[in-house]
């Protein structure tokens, strides 16, 4: 009798453990924020910012766990609009007139080339590697500029990151990449010439 009870309890504990280890798919909201010196360099120049999501896969990566590749991380909101909003907020603080219908306005397209999330198998703790590649395509009166910006990040934690942590990781990565973009003197010079 005691042996049967022990077996049943063991099976129940194993089932609870397996369910706890499983990961459900996660959909995160991206909302990068930019904090760069907001010197009023735009001086009323007009600019129209747009986004373009050109990722090969809309899945950032797998979360791992018992269900392996079926537990995925994806973006739940419009990534193009989120990047546009972040860029517009920064450019407006720098003295640009954003969302301008002026046909002679600068045209800036922020292209998402890649955004990945890769958990690393480890005996103890958890490590996640993230990577983002953004491109800035700008045109003005027949002239063009294109710059490519990449950021990589590695996050370590004792337990598997939950949806809130993953959202924070991805937003920090995108924010860092946008800061790199708007800190590029070549891009800044092209916008100002």
Foldseek 3Di string as FASTA:
>chain_A
DVVVVVVVVVVVVVVVVLVVQDAAAAAAEAAAAEDDDQAQLQQAAEEEEWEAEAEPDQWQFALDGPVGGNRTYGHDDDPGVNVRVRVVVSNVSNNYHYPDPPPQGKYKYKYWHHWHWAWDDDPFWTKIKIKTKIKIWIDGPHDIDIDIFMDIDMDTDRDRDDNVVVNVVRNVRVRVRVNVVVVDPVVVVVNND
